[in-house]
Amino acid sequence: MFHGSIVAIVTPMKDGKLDEDSLRRLLRMHRAAGTNGIVPAGCTGEAATLTGDERRRLLDVCLDEVGDALPVIPGTGSNSTAETVRLTAEAKAAGAAAALIITPYYNKPTPEGQYLHYRTVAEAVDIPIVLYNVPGRTGTNMLPATVARLAEIRNIVAIKEAAGSVDQVSEIVEACDITVLSGDDPQTLPMMAVGARGVVSVAANVVPRAVAAMTASWPNDPERAEGLHHTLRRISRALFIETNPGPVKFAMKQLGLIDSDEVRLPLTTLTAESRERLKEQIAIMRETRRRLGDV
């Protein structure tokens, strides 16, 4: 379940509401493109500004459209352990295959606090859990030693690692047998070279076949994997010229994948300068999609 290209799917919005028609089109695209899993309500899905009802509807649509073919792994984390337990239990009851749980943000817990947070959730809800370490969003790094302790808990089975350090991935791989997934598109291939199994990808929103092909090509076809890596690295860096998911939503609208690039406050749509900077990379995205069959 935890391998290859897992898309951190955007939450399409129109007039302040979930755009279900666009979401279903995206899900069908991923089903056809070789994407290996769907993560709704993550950071890219603007989970922090979704209501409880919106989170549940987002999950229900994903399960209805692709749940028979792809694992759906919703983000269920919050900075409250009790709320994380509630959201994770709700996801399990709805039929989610697993849950992606971000390290608590704002509170800045110690390593012991991180450990007890995840252990409490894992003991309360019997569902496969993917840890999510993203210090740039949360303000704290989850150390490899903490990951190794958590990996001893039966249903904590994987980690989305977005600390920006290939060396940290190496330490995790050496310390325990948890499955590592890249949480940083430009570092996916380097991370796979030291033991990661795939990526939870933002770039897969715009070039799903390319991300799937790169992860599938390593290590048996390194030349193809490396070529795709260099294309994806340029695309991925462009998708973060402003706060995610503003740039990727703008690109998706330009590519005709969603009807609106609307994001929810406090995020805003891209500045005119950023739109101009993205134009060249959107042309590369369009050509990559054409070349690999994402048309």
Protein backbone atom coordinates (compact mmCIF):
# COMPACT_ATOMS: atom_id res chain seq x y z
CA MET A 1 0.00 0.00 0.00
CA PHE A 2 2.78 2.45 0.91
CA HIS A 3 4.90 2.69 -2.22
CA GLY A 4 5.28 4.51 -5.51
CA SER A 5 3.41 7.70 -6.28
CA ILE A 6 0.78 8.66 -3.70
CA VAL A 7 -0.81 11.98 -4.58
CA ALA A 8 -1.36 14.64 -1.93
CA ILE A 9 -4.48 15.68 -3.76
CA VAL A 10 -5.70 19.28 -3.81
CA THR A 11 -9.17 20.13 -2.58
CA PRO A 12 -10.87 21.81 -5.57
CA MET A 13 -13.04 24.72 -4.46
CA LYS A 14 -15.52 26.96 -6.19
CA ASP A 15 -17.40 29.84 -4.57
CA GLY A 16 -16.16 28.78 -1.16
CA LYS A 17 -17.36 25.20 -1.42
CA LEU A 18 -15.92 21.81 -2.33
CA ASP A 19 -16.03 21.37 -6.11
CA GLU A 20 -17.04 17.71 -6.27
CA ASP A 21 -17.19 17.53 -10.07
CA SER A 22 -13.56 18.62 -10.40
CA LEU A 23 -12.54 16.29 -7.58
CA ARG A 24 -14.11 13.30 -9.28
CA ARG A 25 -12.37 14.14 -12.56
CA LEU A 26 -9.04 14.31 -10.75
CA LEU A 27 -9.64 10.98 -9.06
CA ARG A 28 -10.48 9.30 -12.37
CA MET A 29 -7.30 10.81 -13.85
CA HIS A 30 -5.20 9.33 -11.06
CA ARG A 31 -6.86 5.96 -11.39
CA ALA A 32 -5.89 5.89 -15.08
CA ALA A 33 -2.41 7.38 -14.61
CA GLY A 34 -0.88 4.73 -12.39
CA THR A 35 -1.03 6.69 -9.14
CA ASN A 36 -0.63 4.28 -6.23
CA GLY A 37 -2.72 6.03 -3.57
CA ILE A 38 -4.74 9.12 -2.66
CA VAL A 39 -4.14 11.42 0.32
CA PRO A 40 -7.05 13.85 0.78
CA ALA A 41 -7.12 16.50 3.53
CA GLY A 42 -3.36 16.86 3.85
CA CYS A 43 -1.46 20.15 3.81
CA THR A 44 -1.91 20.33 0.02
CA GLY A 45 -5.62 19.66 0.56
CA GLU A 46 -5.89 22.70 2.88
CA ALA A 47 -6.97 20.50 5.78
CA ALA A 48 -6.40 23.24 8.34
CA THR A 49 -9.27 25.30 6.90
CA LEU A 50 -11.72 22.48 6.14
CA THR A 51 -14.73 21.96 8.38
CA GLY A 52 -15.44 18.55 9.85
CA ASP A 53 -18.29 18.04 7.40
CA GLU A 54 -16.03 18.99 4.46
CA ARG A 55 -13.34 16.55 5.56
CA ARG A 56 -15.89 13.76 5.75
CA ARG A 57 -17.43 14.61 2.37
CA LEU A 58 -13.98 14.80 0.77
CA LEU A 59 -13.18 11.32 2.09
CA ASP A 60 -16.55 9.93 1.04
CA VAL A 61 -16.12 11.20 -2.55
CA CYS A 62 -12.61 9.72 -2.76
CA LEU A 63 -13.80 6.35 -1.45
CA ASP A 64 -16.80 6.35 -3.77
CA GLU A 65 -14.75 7.18 -6.86
CA VAL A 66 -11.56 5.12 -6.38
CA GLY A 67 -11.82 3.26 -3.08
CA ASP A 68 -12.20 -0.07 -4.85
CA ALA A 69 -8.95 0.44 -6.77
CA LEU A 70 -6.62 2.68 -4.73
CA PRO A 71 -5.88 3.09 -1.02
CA VAL A 72 -7.36 6.31 0.33
CA ILE A 73 -5.24 7.66 3.19
CA PRO A 74 -6.78 10.84 4.60
CA GLY A 75 -4.97 13.34 6.77
CA THR A 76 -6.46 13.04 10.25
CA GLY A 77 -3.94 14.97 12.33
CA SER A 78 -4.38 18.05 14.47
CA ASN A 79 -2.51 19.72 17.31
CA SER A 80 -4.96 18.15 19.77
CA THR A 81 -4.47 14.49 20.57
CA ALA A 82 -8.15 14.03 21.42
CA GLU A 83 -9.22 15.62 18.13
CA THR A 84 -6.73 13.48 16.23
CA VAL A 85 -8.22 10.36 17.82
CA ARG A 86 -11.71 11.53 16.82
CA LEU A 87 -10.77 12.30 13.21
CA THR A 88 -8.86 9.04 12.84
CA ALA A 89 -11.74 6.99 14.24
CA GLU A 90 -14.10 8.76 11.84
CA ALA A 91 -11.81 7.93 8.90
CA LYS A 92 -11.64 4.28 9.88
CA ALA A 93 -15.43 4.07 10.21
CA ALA A 94 -15.80 5.61 6.73
CA GLY A 95 -13.55 2.96 5.18
CA ALA A 96 -10.15 4.66 4.88
CA ALA A 97 -7.24 2.30 4.22
CA ALA A 98 -4.91 4.16 6.59
CA ALA A 99 -4.46 7.58 8.20
CA LEU A 100 -1.75 10.21 7.65
CA ILE A 101 -1.09 12.03 10.93
CA ILE A 102 0.99 15.19 11.08
CA THR A 103 3.15 15.91 14.12
CA PRO A 104 1.29 18.33 16.40
CA TYR A 105 1.82 21.90 15.23
CA TYR A 106 1.93 25.11 17.27
CA ASN A 107 2.26 23.22 20.60
CA LYS A 108 5.88 22.25 19.77
CA PRO A 109 5.88 19.02 21.81
CA THR A 110 9.07 17.39 23.02
CA PRO A 111 10.10 14.01 21.57
CA GLU A 112 8.29 12.36 24.49
CA GLY A 113 5.17 14.38 23.74
CA GLN A 114 5.33 13.36 20.09
CA TYR A 115 5.74 9.72 21.07
CA LEU A 116 2.81 9.77 23.53
CA HIS A 117 0.60 11.61 21.00
CA TYR A 118 1.06 8.96 18.33
CA ARG A 119 0.94 6.07 20.77
CA THR A 120 -2.36 7.33 22.16
CA VAL A 121 -3.90 7.53 18.68
CA ALA A 122 -2.52 4.14 17.62
CA GLU A 123 -3.90 2.45 20.74
CA ALA A 124 -7.29 4.14 20.35
CA VAL A 125 -7.85 3.41 16.64
CA ASP A 126 -6.80 0.15 15.00
CA ILE A 127 -5.89 1.50 11.57
CA PRO A 128 -2.51 1.66 9.78
CA ILE A 129 -0.89 4.98 10.66
CA VAL A 130 1.54 7.01 8.55
CA LEU A 131 3.57 9.48 10.58
CA TYR A 132 4.05 12.86 8.92
CA ASN A 133 7.16 14.87 9.77
CA VAL A 134 7.17 18.34 8.21
CA PRO A 135 9.09 20.80 10.41
CA GLY A 136 8.50 23.67 7.98
CA ARG A 137 4.78 23.48 8.79
CA THR A 138 4.84 22.34 12.42
CA GLY A 139 7.86 24.04 13.97
CA THR A 140 9.35 20.81 15.34
CA ASN A 141 11.36 17.97 13.83
CA MET A 142 10.60 14.35 14.70
CA LEU A 143 13.97 12.75 15.32
CA PRO A 144 14.92 9.32 13.95
CA ALA A 145 15.13 7.99 17.51
CA THR A 146 11.48 8.94 18.08
CA VAL A 147 10.48 7.34 14.77
CA ALA A 148 12.27 4.14 15.79
CA ARG A 149 10.37 4.03 19.10
CA LEU A 150 7.06 4.56 17.29
CA ALA A 151 7.88 1.88 14.72
CA GLU A 152 7.68 -0.67 17.52
CA ILE A 153 3.92 -0.02 17.75
CA ARG A 154 2.13 -2.57 15.58
CA ASN A 155 -0.08 -0.25 13.50
CA ILE A 156 2.43 2.56 12.98
CA VAL A 157 3.76 1.38 9.66
CA ALA A 158 5.14 4.28 7.60
CA ILE A 159 6.40 7.85 7.69
CA LYS A 160 6.06 10.71 5.25
CA GLU A 161 9.42 12.41 5.77
CA ALA A 162 9.61 16.08 4.81
CA ALA A 163 12.42 17.41 6.99
CA GLY A 164 14.48 18.08 3.87
CA SER A 165 17.34 15.79 4.85
CA VAL A 166 18.41 12.67 2.98
CA ASP A 167 20.76 11.99 5.88
CA GLN A 168 17.78 11.89 8.25
CA VAL A 169 16.10 9.35 5.97
CA SER A 170 19.26 7.26 6.11
CA GLU A 171 19.18 7.39 9.91
CA ILE A 172 15.55 6.27 9.99
CA VAL A 173 16.20 3.39 7.59
CA GLU A 174 19.18 2.29 9.67
CA ALA A 175 17.27 2.57 12.95
CA CYS A 176 14.11 0.60 12.15
CA ASP A 177 12.13 -1.12 9.41
CA ILE A 178 9.35 1.48 9.04
CA THR A 179 8.41 2.30 5.43
CA VAL A 180 9.72 5.73 4.43
CA LEU A 181 7.94 7.92 1.89
CA SER A 182 9.36 11.19 0.64
CA GLY A 183 7.34 14.24 1.56
CA ASP A 184 9.45 16.54 -0.61
CA ASP A 185 9.15 16.00 -4.39
CA PRO A 186 12.63 17.21 -5.42
CA GLN A 187 14.21 14.79 -2.94
CA THR A 188 12.19 11.71 -3.87
CA LEU A 189 14.80 9.97 -6.00
CA PRO A 190 17.69 10.74 -3.62
CA MET A 191 15.56 9.42 -0.75
CA MET A 192 14.67 6.29 -2.69
CA ALA A 193 18.39 5.75 -3.31
CA VAL A 194 18.88 5.39 0.47
CA GLY A 195 15.79 3.29 1.15
CA ALA A 196 12.54 5.25 0.75
CA ARG A 197 9.75 3.41 -1.06
CA GLY A 198 8.03 6.30 -2.83
CA VAL A 199 6.53 9.75 -2.35
CA VAL A 200 3.44 11.56 -1.14
CA SER A 201 3.56 14.00 -4.01
CA VAL A 202 2.36 17.50 -4.82
CA ALA A 203 3.73 17.29 -8.38
CA ALA A 204 1.54 14.25 -9.07
CA ASN A 205 -1.42 16.64 -9.14
CA VAL A 206 -0.14 18.01 -12.47
CA VAL A 207 2.08 15.26 -13.93
CA PRO A 208 0.82 12.01 -12.36
CA ARG A 209 2.27 9.63 -14.95
CA ALA A 210 5.72 11.20 -14.63
CA VAL A 211 5.83 10.77 -10.85
CA ALA A 212 4.46 7.23 -11.10
CA ALA A 213 6.99 6.36 -13.82
CA MET A 214 9.93 7.77 -11.87
CA THR A 215 9.12 5.84 -8.70
CA ALA A 216 8.43 2.66 -10.67
CA SER A 217 11.69 2.96 -12.63
CA TRP A 218 13.97 2.97 -9.60
CA PRO A 219 16.18 0.96 -9.22
CA ASN A 220 15.75 -1.26 -12.30
CA ASP A 221 15.91 1.56 -14.87
CA PRO A 222 18.06 4.25 -13.23
CA GLU A 223 18.60 6.20 -16.45
CA ARG A 224 14.87 6.74 -16.93
CA ALA A 225 14.37 7.49 -13.23
CA GLU A 226 17.15 10.09 -13.28
CA GLY A 227 15.82 11.76 -16.44
CA LEU A 228 12.34 12.06 -14.94
CA HIS A 229 13.84 13.28 -11.66
CA HIS A 230 15.47 16.27 -13.35
CA THR A 231 12.22 17.22 -15.12
CA LEU A 232 10.21 16.81 -11.93
CA ARG A 233 12.74 18.73 -9.83
CA ARG A 234 12.24 21.85 -11.97
CA ILE A 235 8.47 21.47 -11.95
CA SER A 236 8.36 20.84 -8.20
CA ARG A 237 10.45 23.86 -7.31
CA ALA A 238 8.12 26.04 -9.38
CA LEU A 239 5.14 24.67 -7.47
CA PHE A 240 6.50 26.19 -4.28
CA ILE A 241 7.18 29.76 -5.41
CA GLU A 242 4.37 30.71 -3.03
CA THR A 243 2.72 28.77 -0.23
CA ASN A 244 1.38 25.39 -1.31
CA PRO A 245 -1.23 24.77 -2.76
CA GLY A 246 -1.59 28.16 -4.42
CA PRO A 247 0.90 27.49 -7.24
CA VAL A 248 -0.25 23.94 -7.95
CA LYS A 249 -3.89 25.01 -8.09
CA PHE A 250 -3.01 27.81 -10.50
CA ALA A 251 -1.10 25.36 -12.72
CA MET A 252 -3.96 22.87 -12.59
CA LYS A 253 -6.44 25.50 -13.71
CA GLN A 254 -4.16 26.51 -16.60
CA LEU A 255 -3.91 22.84 -17.60
CA GLY A 256 -7.69 22.44 -17.53
CA LEU A 257 -7.64 19.99 -14.60
CA ILE A 258 -9.80 22.06 -12.25
CA ASP A 259 -12.30 24.83 -12.88
CA SER A 260 -10.96 27.31 -10.32
CA ASP A 261 -7.64 28.00 -8.57
CA GLU A 262 -9.52 29.22 -5.51
CA VAL A 263 -7.84 28.72 -2.13
CA ARG A 264 -9.27 29.45 1.28
CA LEU A 265 -8.16 32.34 3.47
CA PRO A 266 -5.68 33.01 4.95
CA LEU A 267 -4.13 31.69 1.71
CA THR A 268 -4.62 33.79 -1.41
CA THR A 269 -4.40 33.21 -5.14
CA LEU A 270 -1.05 33.90 -6.80
CA THR A 271 0.33 37.36 -7.41
CA ALA A 272 0.71 38.53 -11.00
CA GLU A 273 4.50 38.18 -10.68
CA SER A 274 4.24 34.54 -9.56
CA ARG A 275 1.85 33.74 -12.41
CA GLU A 276 4.38 35.05 -14.90
CA ARG A 277 7.18 33.04 -13.28
CA LEU A 278 5.09 29.87 -13.50
CA LYS A 279 4.27 30.16 -17.18
CA GLU A 280 7.46 28.54 -18.43
CA GLN A 281 7.10 25.59 -16.08
CA ILE A 282 3.43 25.16 -16.99
CA ALA A 283 4.56 24.73 -20.60
CA ILE A 284 6.94 22.00 -19.42
CA MET A 285 4.12 20.38 -17.44
CA ARG A 286 1.90 20.42 -20.52
CA GLU A 287 4.62 18.85 -22.67
CA THR A 288 5.40 16.23 -20.02
CA ARG A 289 1.72 15.35 -19.77
CA ARG A 290 1.50 15.05 -23.57
CA ARG A 291 4.64 12.92 -23.82
CA LEU A 292 3.55 10.47 -21.12
CA GLY A 293 -0.11 10.29 -22.06
CA ASP A 294 -1.70 12.54 -19.40
CA VAL A 295 -3.90 14.27 -21.98
